[in-house]
Amino acid sequence: MLFIIEIIAGLFLLGVVAVAVFIMMQPKHRFVFDVKNRTKAELTDKTDNKLCFSVDVPFTNEGGDEGLVLDAFMRIYLPQEQYDKALVRGKINLKDVPRDDDYFEALVMPKGGNKTMTAKFELTPMHGASLKEAVNGLPDFDVAMFWECRGRENLYTVKKFITISADEVKALLK
């Protein structure tokens, strides 16, 4: 009787190990946010007191399974101590699902899928500067882009940097 219980326990343990190995061997997604191939800044709107522009960032799922992009947002590294003549704000959305609010519409990306994210920027002159003065004095600034993703594992965050050059923004005024 004890021998039969040991055989059943051994088969159960073997089954647990087999299921664990099977789960571990399942394909996983692998998102690639290709910030090196981002587009140059493109003018989207210009008024006397506001300059709006955008850049596109391609991304792909190079893994063997679908994955989810649950959220995307950015942080612009241009503190007023560095430059106080302009306030730059921004948001990220899918290029083919443009939005005017600050909401990011989550997506399921199939394996081998390709999409484009659009980072939209809004530059507003500050402290009595004109738009031309604000743009002409603007330094290069970094932007951290964050994507919250998940697949068959826990939620994780991807953080990539782009640099918006002063010359790139100045060219938008011409």
Protein backbone atom coordinates (compact mmCIF):
# COMPACT_ATOMS: atom_id res chain seq x y z
CA MET A 1 0.00 0.00 0.00
CA LEU A 2 2.82 2.41 0.86
CA PHE A 3 4.48 1.51 -2.43
CA ILE A 4 1.35 2.51 -4.39
CA ILE A 5 1.17 5.87 -2.55
CA GLU A 6 4.84 6.53 -3.39
CA ILE A 7 4.20 5.75 -7.07
CA ILE A 8 1.17 8.07 -7.14
CA ALA A 9 3.13 10.85 -5.38
CA GLY A 10 6.04 10.38 -7.81
CA LEU A 11 3.72 10.54 -10.84
CA PHE A 12 2.05 13.64 -9.42
CA LEU A 13 5.42 15.32 -8.88
CA LEU A 14 6.51 14.34 -12.40
CA GLY A 15 3.28 15.86 -13.77
CA VAL A 16 3.88 19.12 -11.89
CA VAL A 17 7.43 19.32 -13.27
CA ALA A 18 6.19 18.58 -16.82
CA VAL A 19 3.55 21.34 -16.61
CA ALA A 20 6.13 23.81 -15.24
CA VAL A 21 8.55 23.02 -18.07
CA PHE A 22 5.73 23.36 -20.62
CA ILE A 23 4.76 26.78 -19.23
CA MET A 24 8.36 27.97 -19.20
CA MET A 25 8.85 26.92 -22.83
CA GLN A 26 5.88 28.97 -24.08
CA PRO A 27 6.90 31.84 -26.39
CA LYS A 28 6.97 35.33 -24.92
CA HIS A 29 6.47 38.73 -26.47
CA ARG A 30 9.44 41.07 -26.94
CA PHE A 31 8.63 44.71 -27.59
CA VAL A 32 11.22 46.84 -29.36
CA PHE A 33 10.60 50.59 -29.12
CA ASP A 34 12.92 51.91 -31.81
CA VAL A 35 13.75 55.41 -30.55
CA LYS A 36 16.88 55.54 -32.73
CA ASN A 37 14.64 55.60 -35.81
CA ARG A 38 12.27 58.27 -34.59
CA THR A 39 11.20 60.89 -37.09
CA LYS A 40 12.35 64.48 -37.00
CA ALA A 41 10.03 66.97 -35.32
CA GLU A 42 7.07 67.80 -37.52
CA LEU A 43 4.96 70.94 -37.10
CA THR A 44 1.33 70.19 -36.23
CA ASP A 45 0.08 73.64 -35.18
CA LYS A 46 1.44 77.14 -34.65
CA THR A 47 -0.15 80.26 -33.20
CA ASP A 48 1.34 83.47 -31.79
CA ASN A 49 1.71 81.88 -28.38
CA LYS A 50 2.00 78.16 -28.98
CA LEU A 51 4.05 75.74 -31.07
CA CYS A 52 2.83 72.16 -31.43
CA PHE A 53 4.96 69.45 -32.99
CA SER A 54 5.28 65.69 -32.97
CA VAL A 55 7.72 62.85 -33.54
CA ASP A 56 6.92 59.25 -34.45
CA VAL A 57 8.55 56.23 -32.80
CA PRO A 58 8.12 52.83 -34.47
CA PHE A 59 7.77 49.72 -32.36
CA THR A 60 7.41 46.01 -33.00
CA ASN A 61 6.69 42.79 -31.19
CA GLU A 62 9.62 40.58 -32.16
CA GLY A 63 8.69 37.81 -29.74
CA GLY A 64 6.74 34.63 -30.28
CA ASP A 65 3.52 35.63 -28.50
CA GLU A 66 1.17 38.58 -28.25
CA GLY A 67 1.79 41.28 -25.67
CA LEU A 68 -0.08 44.22 -24.17
CA VAL A 69 0.88 47.87 -24.03
CA LEU A 70 -1.26 49.17 -21.19
CA ASP A 71 -0.01 52.73 -20.85
CA ALA A 72 2.43 55.20 -22.40
CA PHE A 73 3.59 58.54 -21.09
CA MET A 74 6.60 60.85 -21.17
CA ARG A 75 8.64 63.10 -18.93
CA ILE A 76 10.29 66.13 -20.50
CA TYR A 77 13.59 67.10 -18.91
CA LEU A 78 13.53 70.88 -19.32
CA PRO A 79 13.24 72.35 -15.82
CA GLN A 80 12.66 76.07 -15.38
CA GLU A 81 16.07 76.33 -13.68
CA GLN A 82 17.61 75.30 -17.01
CA TYR A 83 15.33 77.35 -19.26
CA ASP A 84 12.47 79.53 -18.07
CA LYS A 85 11.33 81.12 -21.35
CA ALA A 86 9.23 78.13 -22.45
CA LEU A 87 7.07 75.41 -20.97
CA VAL A 88 7.08 72.15 -22.93
CA ARG A 89 4.40 69.54 -22.28
CA GLY A 90 3.75 66.28 -24.09
CA LYS A 91 1.87 63.01 -24.41
CA ILE A 92 2.15 59.73 -26.31
CA ASN A 93 -0.54 57.98 -28.34
CA LEU A 94 -0.78 55.47 -31.12
CA LYS A 95 -0.43 57.16 -34.49
CA ASP A 96 -3.49 55.40 -35.89
CA VAL A 97 -5.60 56.16 -32.78
CA PRO A 98 -5.07 59.91 -32.18
CA ARG A 99 -6.60 61.37 -29.04
CA ASP A 100 -6.96 64.92 -27.73
CA ASP A 101 -7.19 63.94 -24.08
CA ASP A 102 -4.40 62.53 -21.90
CA TYR A 103 -5.74 58.97 -22.09
CA PHE A 104 -3.70 56.18 -23.69
CA GLU A 105 -5.78 53.48 -25.34
CA ALA A 106 -4.22 50.12 -24.46
CA LEU A 107 -3.54 47.65 -27.23
CA VAL A 108 -2.85 43.99 -27.81
CA MET A 109 0.10 43.58 -30.15
CA PRO A 110 0.23 40.25 -32.01
CA LYS A 111 3.56 38.56 -32.56
CA GLY A 112 5.33 40.16 -35.50
CA GLY A 113 3.11 43.24 -35.24
CA ASN A 114 4.31 46.75 -36.14
CA LYS A 115 2.85 50.02 -34.91
CA THR A 116 3.89 53.64 -34.52
CA MET A 117 3.64 55.80 -31.42
CA THR A 118 3.32 59.56 -31.83
CA ALA A 119 4.80 61.83 -29.19
CA LYS A 120 3.04 65.18 -29.28
CA PHE A 121 4.68 68.29 -27.82
CA GLU A 122 3.26 71.69 -26.97
CA LEU A 123 5.66 74.59 -26.40
CA THR A 124 4.27 77.70 -24.72
CA PRO A 125 6.35 80.86 -24.17
CA MET A 126 6.71 81.96 -20.54
CA HIS A 127 7.66 85.09 -18.57
CA GLY A 128 6.79 87.58 -21.32
CA ALA A 129 8.83 85.94 -24.07
CA SER A 130 7.47 85.81 -27.59
CA LEU A 131 7.24 82.47 -29.36
CA LYS A 132 10.26 83.35 -31.50
CA GLU A 133 12.32 84.36 -28.44
CA ALA A 134 11.30 81.23 -26.57
CA VAL A 135 12.24 78.93 -29.46
CA ASN A 136 15.48 80.76 -30.35
CA GLY A 137 16.83 80.37 -26.81
CA LEU A 138 15.61 76.82 -26.33
CA PRO A 139 18.35 74.30 -25.50
CA ASP A 140 18.41 70.66 -26.55
CA PHE A 141 16.28 68.65 -24.12
CA ASP A 142 15.84 65.01 -23.28
CA VAL A 143 12.53 63.21 -23.12
CA ALA A 144 12.02 59.96 -21.22
CA MET A 145 9.35 57.80 -22.80
CA PHE A 146 7.68 55.13 -20.68
CA TRP A 147 5.61 52.16 -21.80
CA GLU A 148 3.88 49.85 -19.33
CA CYS A 149 3.68 46.37 -20.83
CA ARG A 150 2.82 42.81 -19.99
CA GLY A 151 2.38 39.45 -21.57
CA ARG A 152 2.60 36.09 -19.83
CA GLU A 153 4.54 37.67 -17.00
CA ASN A 154 4.18 40.53 -14.54
CA LEU A 155 3.67 44.14 -15.53
CA TYR A 156 6.94 45.88 -16.42
CA THR A 157 7.97 49.33 -17.61
CA VAL A 158 10.16 50.12 -20.62
CA LYS A 159 12.00 53.46 -20.44
CA LYS A 160 13.74 54.96 -23.48
CA PHE A 161 15.21 58.40 -24.09
CA ILE A 162 15.09 60.69 -27.09
CA THR A 163 16.69 64.10 -27.46
CA ILE A 164 14.85 66.95 -29.12
CA SER A 165 17.49 69.29 -30.52
CA ALA A 166 17.15 73.05 -30.43
CA ASP A 167 17.87 73.19 -34.18
CA GLU A 168 15.05 70.73 -34.83
CA VAL A 169 12.56 72.99 -33.02
CA LYS A 170 13.95 76.19 -34.55
CA ALA A 171 13.45 74.74 -38.03
CA LEU A 172 9.71 74.53 -37.30
CA LEU A 173 9.45 78.33 -37.20
CA LYS A 174 10.70 78.79 -40.75
